[in-house]
Amino acid sequence: MKRLLFTILTVLIFSCDKNEDDISTDTFDVTTAGIGIDCKLVLIDFKGSDQDRIKKITNANGLRHQAFNLDKISFSTDGLILKVKVRKPFDSELFACTTLGPSYPWVTVLNAEIK
């Protein structure tokens, strides 16, 4: 019984470890496209020349993404040009959306500033 408990605890400790070195991040210049009707997150458009780099992070096609962790008050205006550092969202950051509008892939914004 002690051996089973020890094994379960060991698995739990190592499975919850998120090594930041394994998380792929990159910096992009993006343009805001307002607030999405579906998830109520800021929509950002990546440049066409960045498509391969963003696909390496999100494993998704397309240039428009929903920006999790991007301040809606400061960055919801259409047409703002931002410099953002992004990564793929963790499962714990994702939430259900209304499915009323088009669905876009997500990115988590780590840092954003207006250019």
Protein backbone atom coordinates (compact mmCIF):
# COMPACT_ATOMS: atom_id res chain seq x y z
CA MET A 1 0.00 0.00 0.00
CA LYS A 2 2.84 2.40 0.84
CA ARG A 3 4.52 1.59 -2.46
CA LEU A 4 1.33 2.40 -4.40
CA LEU A 5 0.86 5.68 -2.54
CA PHE A 6 4.50 6.63 -3.15
CA THR A 7 4.15 5.84 -6.87
CA ILE A 8 0.97 7.91 -7.22
CA LEU A 9 2.50 10.90 -5.42
CA THR A 10 5.65 10.71 -7.54
CA VAL A 11 3.65 10.65 -10.76
CA LEU A 12 1.55 13.62 -9.64
CA ILE A 13 4.57 15.69 -8.70
CA PHE A 14 6.33 15.16 -12.01
CA SER A 15 3.23 15.43 -14.21
CA CYS A 16 2.35 18.90 -12.88
CA ASP A 17 5.77 20.37 -13.64
CA LYS A 18 5.71 22.84 -16.52
CA ASN A 19 9.22 23.50 -17.71
CA GLU A 20 9.33 27.03 -19.12
CA ASP A 21 12.24 26.08 -21.38
CA ASP A 22 9.92 23.74 -23.29
CA ILE A 23 7.36 26.50 -23.97
CA SER A 24 7.83 28.13 -27.34
CA THR A 25 7.40 31.92 -27.39
CA ASP A 26 8.03 34.56 -30.03
CA THR A 27 7.50 38.28 -30.58
CA PHE A 28 5.30 39.62 -33.39
CA ASP A 29 3.91 42.86 -34.74
CA VAL A 30 0.12 42.47 -34.91
CA THR A 31 -2.95 44.57 -35.66
CA THR A 32 -6.00 44.50 -33.40
CA ALA A 33 -9.36 43.62 -34.96
CA GLY A 34 -11.75 44.43 -32.11
CA ILE A 35 -13.44 42.06 -29.67
CA GLY A 36 -14.60 38.64 -30.88
CA ILE A 37 -18.32 37.95 -30.53
CA ASP A 38 -17.69 34.33 -29.56
CA CYS A 39 -15.22 34.38 -26.64
CA LYS A 40 -15.17 38.13 -25.92
CA LEU A 41 -11.39 38.22 -26.37
CA VAL A 42 -9.39 40.74 -28.38
CA LEU A 43 -8.80 39.53 -31.94
CA ILE A 44 -5.34 40.08 -33.39
CA ASP A 45 -4.16 39.72 -36.98
CA PHE A 46 -0.64 38.49 -37.66
CA LYS A 47 1.24 39.49 -40.82
CA GLY A 48 1.28 37.04 -43.71
CA SER A 49 5.06 36.83 -43.47
CA ASP A 50 4.71 35.52 -39.89
CA GLN A 51 2.42 32.60 -40.77
CA ASP A 52 5.11 29.92 -40.46
CA ARG A 53 6.37 31.27 -37.13
CA ILE A 54 2.90 31.48 -35.57
CA LYS A 55 2.02 28.01 -36.85
CA LYS A 56 5.07 26.61 -34.99
CA ILE A 57 3.65 28.02 -31.77
CA THR A 58 -0.07 27.27 -32.14
CA ASN A 59 -0.16 24.41 -34.66
CA ALA A 60 -3.03 26.28 -36.32
CA ASN A 61 -3.48 27.80 -39.76
CA GLY A 62 -4.72 31.32 -40.20
CA LEU A 63 -3.55 34.77 -39.32
CA ARG A 64 -6.37 35.90 -37.01
CA HIS A 65 -6.19 34.66 -33.41
CA GLN A 66 -7.97 35.29 -30.14
CA ALA A 67 -5.61 36.91 -27.66
CA PHE A 68 -5.98 35.49 -24.16
CA ASN A 69 -4.49 37.71 -21.43
CA LEU A 70 -4.58 40.87 -23.60
CA ASP A 71 -6.22 43.78 -21.78
CA LYS A 72 -9.57 44.52 -23.45
CA ILE A 73 -9.76 48.05 -22.08
CA SER A 74 -6.40 49.16 -23.48
CA PHE A 75 -6.25 47.15 -26.70
CA SER A 76 -9.80 46.62 -28.01
CA THR A 77 -9.73 49.45 -30.57
CA ASP A 78 -9.62 48.27 -34.19
CA GLY A 79 -6.40 48.94 -36.06
CA LEU A 80 -3.93 49.32 -33.20
CA ILE A 81 -0.47 48.08 -34.09
CA LEU A 82 1.02 46.14 -31.21
CA LYS A 83 4.26 44.36 -30.46
CA VAL A 84 3.29 41.19 -28.58
CA LYS A 85 5.12 38.23 -27.11
CA VAL A 86 2.93 35.12 -27.35
CA ARG A 87 2.87 31.42 -26.55
CA LYS A 88 0.41 28.58 -26.95
CA PRO A 89 -2.22 28.62 -24.18
CA PHE A 90 -2.16 26.06 -21.41
CA ASP A 91 -5.25 23.85 -21.15
CA SER A 92 -6.10 25.58 -17.87
CA GLU A 93 -6.37 28.94 -19.68
CA LEU A 94 -8.95 27.77 -22.21
CA PHE A 95 -12.65 28.19 -21.55
CA ALA A 96 -15.89 27.46 -23.36
CA CYS A 97 -17.19 30.07 -25.78
CA THR A 98 -20.69 30.81 -27.03
CA THR A 99 -20.17 29.43 -30.57
CA LEU A 100 -22.22 32.35 -31.93
CA GLY A 101 -19.44 33.67 -34.11
CA PRO A 102 -16.48 32.36 -36.06
CA SER A 103 -13.93 30.33 -34.16
CA TYR A 104 -10.29 31.40 -34.15
CA PRO A 105 -7.26 29.74 -32.60
CA TRP A 106 -5.96 31.14 -29.33
CA VAL A 107 -2.64 32.58 -28.25
CA THR A 108 -1.67 33.69 -24.76
CA VAL A 109 -0.13 37.15 -24.71
CA LEU A 110 2.77 37.46 -22.30
CA ASN A 111 3.63 41.08 -23.07
CA ALA A 112 2.04 43.78 -25.26
CA GLU A 113 2.90 47.36 -26.12
CA ILE A 114 1.58 49.83 -28.68
CA LYS A 115 4.07 50.56 -31.44
